[in-house]
C-alpha atoms as a PDB file:
ATOM      1  CA  MET A   1     -56.799 -40.018  29.255  1.00  0.00           C
ATOM      2  CA  ALA A   2     -53.072 -39.510  28.754  1.00  0.00           C
ATOM      3  CA  LEU A   3     -51.165 -37.858  31.545  1.00  0.00           C
ATOM      4  CA  PRO A   4     -48.348 -35.416  30.760  1.00  0.00           C
ATOM      5  CA  LEU A   5     -44.867 -36.664  31.449  1.00  0.00           C
ATOM      6  CA  GLU A   6     -43.052 -34.948  34.280  1.00  0.00           C
ATOM      7  CA  ASN A   7     -39.996 -34.307  32.128  1.00  0.00           C
ATOM      8  CA  ASP A   8     -41.908 -33.756  28.891  1.00  0.00           C
ATOM      9  CA  SER A   9     -39.758 -30.842  27.695  1.00  0.00           C
ATOM     10  CA  GLU A  10     -36.541 -32.657  28.604  1.00  0.00           C
ATOM     11  CA  GLU A  11     -37.583 -35.800  26.706  1.00  0.00           C
ATOM     12  CA  SER A  12     -38.705 -33.701  23.762  1.00  0.00           C
ATOM     13  CA  GLU A  13     -35.314 -31.978  23.662  1.00  0.00           C
ATOM     14  CA  MET A  14     -33.521 -35.338  23.786  1.00  0.00           C
ATOM     15  CA  ALA A  15     -35.708 -36.663  20.960  1.00  0.00           C
ATOM     16  CA  THR A  16     -34.938 -33.592  18.869  1.00  0.00           C
ATOM     17  CA  ARG A  17     -31.214 -34.094  19.376  1.00  0.00           C
ATOM     18  CA  ALA A  18     -31.524 -37.780  18.430  1.00  0.00           C
ATOM     19  CA  VAL A  19     -32.998 -36.941  15.004  1.00  0.00           C
ATOM     20  CA  ASP A  20     -30.763 -34.796  12.844  1.00  0.00           C
ATOM     21  CA  VAL A  21     -30.668 -33.727   9.213  1.00  0.00           C
ATOM     22  CA  TYR A  22     -27.913 -35.238   7.099  1.00  0.00           C
ATOM     23  CA  ARG A  23     -25.554 -32.456   6.026  1.00  0.00           C
ATOM     24  CA  TRP A  24     -24.198 -32.905   2.509  1.00  0.00           C
ATOM     25  CA  THR A  25     -20.636 -31.805   1.809  1.00  0.00           C
ATOM     26  CA  ARG A  26     -19.686 -29.907  -1.317  1.00  0.00           C
ATOM     27  CA  GLU A  27     -17.837 -32.999  -2.550  1.00  0.00           C
ATOM     28  CA  GLU A  28     -20.934 -35.178  -2.123  1.00  0.00           C
ATOM     29  CA  TYR A  29     -23.029 -32.480  -3.796  1.00  0.00           C
ATOM     30  CA  TYR A  30     -20.742 -32.627  -6.849  1.00  0.00           C
ATOM     31  CA  GLN A  31     -20.990 -36.428  -6.910  1.00  0.00           C
ATOM     32  CA  LEU A  32     -24.793 -36.248  -6.911  1.00  0.00           C
ATOM     33  CA  ALA A  33     -24.677 -33.844  -9.859  1.00  0.00           C
ATOM     34  CA  GLU A  34     -22.209 -36.040 -11.773  1.00  0.00           C
ATOM     35  CA  LYS A  35     -24.476 -39.077 -11.286  1.00  0.00           C
ATOM     36  CA  GLY A  36     -27.453 -37.185 -12.724  1.00  0.00           C
ATOM     37  CA  PHE A  37     -29.344 -36.926  -9.439  1.00  0.00           C
ATOM     38  CA  PHE A  38     -30.621 -33.460 -10.394  1.00  0.00           C
ATOM     39  CA  PRO A  39     -32.805 -33.342 -13.532  1.00  0.00           C
ATOM     40  CA  PRO A  40     -31.447 -31.224 -16.426  1.00  0.00           C
ATOM     41  CA  GLY A  41     -32.315 -27.580 -15.969  1.00  0.00           C
ATOM     42  CA  LYS A  42     -33.105 -28.017 -12.253  1.00  0.00           C
ATOM     43  CA  ARG A  43     -31.520 -25.165 -10.295  1.00  0.00           C
ATOM     44  CA  VAL A  44     -30.307 -26.138  -6.830  1.00  0.00           C
ATOM     45  CA  GLU A  45     -27.841 -24.810  -4.273  1.00  0.00           C
ATOM     46  CA  LEU A  46     -26.175 -26.133  -1.136  1.00  0.00           C
ATOM     47  CA  ILE A  47     -26.571 -24.079   2.060  1.00  0.00           C
ATOM     48  CA  ASP A  48     -25.225 -25.449   5.349  1.00  0.00           C
ATOM     49  CA  GLY A  49     -25.399 -29.017   4.044  1.00  0.00           C
ATOM     50  CA  VAL A  50     -29.012 -28.797   2.824  1.00  0.00           C
ATOM     51  CA  ILE A  51     -29.803 -28.896  -0.888  1.00  0.00           C
ATOM     52  CA  TYR A  52     -32.485 -26.366  -1.820  1.00  0.00           C
ATOM     53  CA  GLU A  53     -34.378 -26.192  -5.095  1.00  0.00           C
ATOM     54  CA  MET A  54     -34.319 -22.663  -6.459  1.00  0.00           C
ATOM     55  CA  SER A  55     -37.532 -21.005  -7.613  1.00  0.00           C
ATOM     56  CA  PRO A  56     -38.169 -20.308 -11.295  1.00  0.00           C
ATOM     57  CA  GLN A  57     -37.256 -16.760 -12.255  1.00  0.00           C
ATOM     58  CA  LYS A  58     -40.200 -14.462 -12.828  1.00  0.00           C
ATOM     59  CA  SER A  59     -39.777 -11.402 -15.029  1.00  0.00           C
ATOM     60  CA  PRO A  60     -39.288  -8.866 -12.163  1.00  0.00           C
ATOM     61  CA  HIS A  61     -36.523 -11.062 -10.711  1.00  0.00           C
ATOM     62  CA  ALA A  62     -34.718 -11.346 -14.042  1.00  0.00           C
ATOM     63  CA  THR A  63     -35.081  -7.609 -14.645  1.00  0.00           C
ATOM     64  CA  GLY A  64     -33.669  -6.901 -11.183  1.00  0.00           C
ATOM     65  CA  ILE A  65     -30.605  -9.046 -11.896  1.00  0.00           C
ATOM     66  CA  LEU A  66     -29.952  -7.143 -15.142  1.00  0.00           C
ATOM     67  CA  LEU A  67     -30.368  -3.748 -13.448  1.00  0.00           C
ATOM     68  CA  VAL A  68     -28.062  -4.619 -10.540  1.00  0.00           C
ATOM     69  CA  THR A  69     -25.461  -6.087 -12.905  1.00  0.00           C
ATOM     70  CA  GLU A  70     -25.374  -2.876 -14.921  1.00  0.00           C
ATOM     71  CA  ALA A  71     -25.121  -0.687 -11.803  1.00  0.00           C
ATOM     72  CA  LEU A  72     -22.351  -2.788 -10.257  1.00  0.00           C
ATOM     73  CA  ARG A  73     -20.302  -2.830 -13.465  1.00  0.00           C
ATOM     74  CA  GLY A  74     -20.249   0.965 -13.261  1.00  0.00           C
ATOM     75  CA  ALA A  75     -19.277   0.868  -9.584  1.00  0.00           C
ATOM     76  CA  PHE A  76     -16.518  -1.764 -10.029  1.00  0.00           C
ATOM     77  CA  PRO A  77     -14.873  -1.020 -13.400  1.00  0.00           C
ATOM     78  CA  GLN A  78     -11.480  -2.619 -12.649  1.00  0.00           C
ATOM     79  CA  GLY A  79      -9.911  -5.117 -10.275  1.00  0.00           C
ATOM     80  CA  HIS A  80     -13.177  -6.928  -9.577  1.00  0.00           C
ATOM     81  CA  GLN A  81     -15.565  -9.130 -11.484  1.00  0.00           C
ATOM     82  CA  ILE A  82     -19.337  -9.343 -11.243  1.00  0.00           C
ATOM     83  CA  ARG A  83     -20.379 -13.000 -11.072  1.00  0.00           C
ATOM     84  CA  VAL A  84     -24.017 -13.610 -11.977  1.00  0.00           C
ATOM     85  CA  GLN A  85     -25.634 -16.723 -10.462  1.00  0.00           C
ATOM     86  CA  LEU A  86     -22.310 -18.544 -10.140  1.00  0.00           C
ATOM     87  CA  PRO A  87     -21.132 -20.628  -7.161  1.00  0.00           C
ATOM     88  CA  LEU A  88     -19.208 -19.460  -4.136  1.00  0.00           C
ATOM     89  CA  ALA A  89     -17.320 -22.057  -2.088  1.00  0.00           C
ATOM     90  CA  LEU A  90     -18.261 -21.097   1.467  1.00  0.00           C
ATOM     91  CA  GLY A  91     -16.797 -23.853   3.568  1.00  0.00           C
ATOM     92  CA  LYS A  92     -17.259 -27.610   3.497  1.00  0.00           C
ATOM     93  CA  HIS A  93     -21.089 -27.602   3.473  1.00  0.00           C
ATOM     94  CA  SER A  94     -22.129 -24.548   1.453  1.00  0.00           C
ATOM     95  CA  GLU A  95     -22.061 -23.614  -2.194  1.00  0.00           C
ATOM     96  CA  PRO A  96     -24.662 -20.912  -2.753  1.00  0.00           C
ATOM     97  CA  GLU A  97     -25.239 -19.364  -6.152  1.00  0.00           C
ATOM     98  CA  PRO A  98     -26.104 -15.758  -5.323  1.00  0.00           C
ATOM     99  CA  ASP A  99     -27.783 -13.620  -7.937  1.00  0.00           C
ATOM    100  CA  LEU A 100     -24.674 -11.412  -7.988  1.00  0.00           C
ATOM    101  CA  ALA A 101     -21.327 -11.555  -6.241  1.00  0.00           C
ATOM    102  CA  VAL A 102     -18.534  -9.016  -6.578  1.00  0.00           C
ATOM    103  CA  VAL A 103     -15.184 -10.751  -6.157  1.00  0.00           C
ATOM    104  CA  ALA A 104     -11.617  -9.518  -6.453  1.00  0.00           C
ATOM    105  CA  GLY A 105      -9.619 -10.394  -9.547  1.00  0.00           C
ATOM    106  CA  GLY A 106     -10.483 -11.570 -13.029  1.00  0.00           C
ATOM    107  CA  PRO A 107     -12.296 -14.597 -14.501  1.00  0.00           C
ATOM    108  CA  ARG A 108      -9.138 -16.730 -14.900  1.00  0.00           C
ATOM    109  CA  ASP A 109      -8.305 -16.333 -11.211  1.00  0.00           C
ATOM    110  CA  TYR A 110     -11.105 -18.847 -10.524  1.00  0.00           C
ATOM    111  CA  ALA A 111     -10.509 -21.314 -13.347  1.00  0.00           C
ATOM    112  CA  LYS A 112      -9.634 -24.140 -10.903  1.00  0.00           C
ATOM    113  CA  ASP A 113     -11.765 -23.303  -7.858  1.00  0.00           C
ATOM    114  CA  HIS A 114     -14.777 -21.152  -7.084  1.00  0.00           C
ATOM    115  CA  PRO A 115     -14.156 -17.985  -5.034  1.00  0.00           C
ATOM    116  CA  GLU A 116     -14.264 -18.462  -1.270  1.00  0.00           C
ATOM    117  CA  THR A 117     -15.359 -14.920  -0.498  1.00  0.00           C
ATOM    118  CA  ALA A 118     -16.788 -11.773  -2.051  1.00  0.00           C
ATOM    119  CA  VAL A 119     -16.686  -8.065  -1.233  1.00  0.00           C
ATOM    120  CA  LEU A 120     -20.418  -7.777  -1.919  1.00  0.00           C
ATOM    121  CA  ILE A 121     -23.272 -10.212  -2.497  1.00  0.00           C
ATOM    122  CA  VAL A 122     -26.649  -9.169  -3.881  1.00  0.00           C
ATOM    123  CA  GLU A 123     -29.820 -11.250  -3.968  1.00  0.00           C
ATOM    124  CA  VAL A 124     -32.875 -10.090  -5.900  1.00  0.00           C
ATOM    125  CA  SER A 125     -35.728 -11.291  -3.722  1.00  0.00           C
ATOM    126  CA  ASP A 126     -39.161 -11.973  -5.119  1.00  0.00           C
ATOM    127  CA  SER A 127     -40.576 -15.372  -4.163  1.00  0.00           C
ATOM    128  CA  SER A 128     -37.411 -16.358  -2.256  1.00  0.00           C
ATOM    129  CA  SER A 129     -37.505 -13.742   0.510  1.00  0.00           C
ATOM    130  CA  PHE A 130     -37.343 -16.181   3.463  1.00  0.00           C
ATOM    131  CA  HIS A 131     -34.474 -18.101   1.884  1.00  0.00           C
ATOM    132  CA  ASP A 132     -32.553 -14.881   1.113  1.00  0.00           C
ATOM    133  CA  ARG A 133     -33.296 -13.103   4.399  1.00  0.00           C
ATOM    134  CA  GLU A 134     -32.795 -16.001   6.794  1.00  0.00           C
ATOM    135  CA  ARG A 135     -30.761 -18.916   5.455  1.00  0.00           C
ATOM    136  CA  LYS A 136     -28.498 -17.067   3.053  1.00  0.00           C
ATOM    137  CA  ARG A 137     -28.017 -13.950   5.180  1.00  0.00           C
ATOM    138  CA  SER A 138     -26.883 -16.105   8.092  1.00  0.00           C
ATOM    139  CA  ARG A 139     -24.504 -18.115   5.895  1.00  0.00           C
ATOM    140  CA  TYR A 140     -22.980 -14.990   4.354  1.00  0.00           C
ATOM    141  CA  ALA A 141     -22.505 -13.384   7.768  1.00  0.00           C
ATOM    142  CA  ARG A 142     -20.830 -16.509   9.156  1.00  0.00           C
ATOM    143  CA  SER A 143     -18.544 -16.505   6.098  1.00  0.00           C
ATOM    144  CA  ALA A 144     -17.556 -12.896   6.947  1.00  0.00           C
ATOM    145  CA  ILE A 145     -18.891 -11.458   3.678  1.00  0.00           C
ATOM    146  CA  PRO A 146     -18.557  -7.744   4.555  1.00  0.00           C
ATOM    147  CA  GLU A 147     -21.688  -6.567   2.767  1.00  0.00           C
ATOM    148  CA  TYR A 148     -24.938  -8.188   1.648  1.00  0.00           C
ATOM    149  CA  TRP A 149     -27.765  -6.486  -0.253  1.00  0.00           C
ATOM    150  CA  ILE A 150     -31.295  -7.734  -0.827  1.00  0.00           C
ATOM    151  CA  VAL A 151     -33.228  -6.052  -3.617  1.00  0.00           C
ATOM    152  CA  ASN A 152     -36.732  -6.470  -2.226  1.00  0.00           C
ATOM    153  CA  VAL A 153     -38.922  -6.542  -5.351  1.00  0.00           C
ATOM    154  CA  SER A 154     -42.340  -6.545  -3.644  1.00  0.00           C
ATOM    155  CA  GLY A 155     -41.329  -3.886  -1.091  1.00  0.00           C
ATOM    156  CA  GLN A 156     -39.538  -1.775  -3.712  1.00  0.00           C
ATOM    157  CA  GLN A 157     -36.615  -1.225  -1.370  1.00  0.00           C
ATOM    158  CA  LEU A 158     -32.994  -2.194  -0.855  1.00  0.00           C
ATOM    159  CA  GLU A 159     -31.963  -3.952   2.347  1.00  0.00           C
ATOM    160  CA  VAL A 160     -28.283  -3.383   3.152  1.00  0.00           C
ATOM    161  CA  TYR A 161     -26.547  -5.641   5.697  1.00  0.00           C
ATOM    162  CA  ARG A 162     -23.045  -4.828   6.974  1.00  0.00           C
ATOM    163  CA  ASN A 163     -20.614  -5.589   9.788  1.00  0.00           C
ATOM    164  CA  PRO A 164     -20.770  -9.384  10.095  1.00  0.00           C
ATOM    165  CA  GLY A 165     -20.134 -10.720  13.579  1.00  0.00           C
ATOM    166  CA  GLU A 166     -21.388 -13.408  15.936  1.00  0.00           C
ATOM    167  CA  GLY A 167     -23.136 -15.232  13.084  1.00  0.00           C
ATOM    168  CA  SER A 168     -25.204 -12.268  11.949  1.00  0.00           C
ATOM    169  CA  TYR A 169     -24.934  -8.806  10.440  1.00  0.00           C
ATOM    170  CA  GLN A 170     -24.775  -6.062  13.038  1.00  0.00           C
ATOM    171  CA  THR A 171     -26.005  -3.249  10.763  1.00  0.00           C
ATOM    172  CA  ARG A 172     -29.189  -3.173   8.670  1.00  0.00           C
ATOM    173  CA  LEU A 173     -30.292  -0.267   6.483  1.00  0.00           C
ATOM    174  CA  ILE A 174     -33.540   0.025   4.513  1.00  0.00           C
ATOM    175  CA  LEU A 175     -33.236   2.292   1.479  1.00  0.00           C
ATOM    176  CA  LYS A 176     -35.998   3.494  -0.847  1.00  0.00           C
ATOM    177  CA  ALA A 177     -36.092   4.686  -4.445  1.00  0.00           C
ATOM    178  CA  GLY A 178     -35.011   8.271  -3.593  1.00  0.00           C
ATOM    179  CA  ASP A 179     -31.885   7.103  -1.720  1.00  0.00           C
ATOM    180  CA  THR A 180     -28.367   6.281  -2.875  1.00  0.00           C
ATOM    181  CA  VAL A 181     -26.006   3.544  -1.719  1.00  0.00           C
ATOM    182  CA  ALA A 182     -22.237   3.181  -1.989  1.00  0.00           C
ATOM    183  CA  PRO A 183     -20.584  -0.254  -1.696  1.00  0.00           C
ATOM    184  CA  LEU A 184     -18.110  -0.524   1.173  1.00  0.00           C
ATOM    185  CA  ALA A 185     -15.490  -1.807  -1.275  1.00  0.00           C
ATOM    186  CA  ASN A 186     -15.838   1.357  -3.381  1.00  0.00           C
ATOM    187  CA  PRO A 187     -17.351   4.126  -1.221  1.00  0.00           C
ATOM    188  CA  GLU A 188     -16.937   6.746  -3.950  1.00  0.00           C
ATOM    189  CA  ALA A 189     -19.350   4.921  -6.267  1.00  0.00           C
ATOM    190  CA  ALA A 190     -22.807   6.192  -5.365  1.00  0.00           C
ATOM    191  CA  ILE A 191     -25.626   4.099  -6.874  1.00  0.00           C
ATOM    192  CA  ALA A 192     -29.201   5.329  -7.058  1.00  0.00           C
ATOM    193  CA  VAL A 193     -31.430   2.748  -5.370  1.00  0.00           C
ATOM    194  CA  ALA A 194     -34.072   3.449  -8.034  1.00  0.00           C
ATOM    195  CA  ASP A 195     -31.621   2.083 -10.621  1.00  0.00           C
ATOM    196  CA  LEU A 196     -31.646  -1.300  -8.840  1.00  0.00           C
ATOM    197  CA  LEU A 197     -35.424  -1.708  -8.541  1.00  0.00           C
ATOM    198  CA  PRO A 198     -37.381  -3.439 -11.335  1.00  0.00           C
END
């Protein structure tokens, strides 16, 4: 019969610290892609040094992206661009590809480098809810993205996160189909939540 160690929790903590995940940099991530490490058509993204495979897009997810794109184009007619599933350079170890990102400027402003911030990021969440709600939300908050929306397909609601601070968003709103939402970057542009839901 095995006896418990007196300092079992202390030894466990030391063992956990001794084994760590290798954190890929954006530069290494690019090198892997250039060497053909990712099969053609494989969708991946880098979050906090970990490379995640992205889920295939089901019809409700694709429909949600189209609906949000249309709504945001009406809310941001000039001075911003709506980037659909394109990279953001968020530090040395992260290059997420959010479903939609609203960034200042025009397409040629990012011809040499990906944007390093956005005024609004939107993820349409179907099968990726944990990834969007935990990993990505934390990364966006730590990158001081002022506003993050999750279009929750299964819940038929919009989750609005604002006021990033201390590694998290300080404000969370849950909006339903009868509600409206206005982006912080353009508070006069009221969007019907129903228009965002597939």
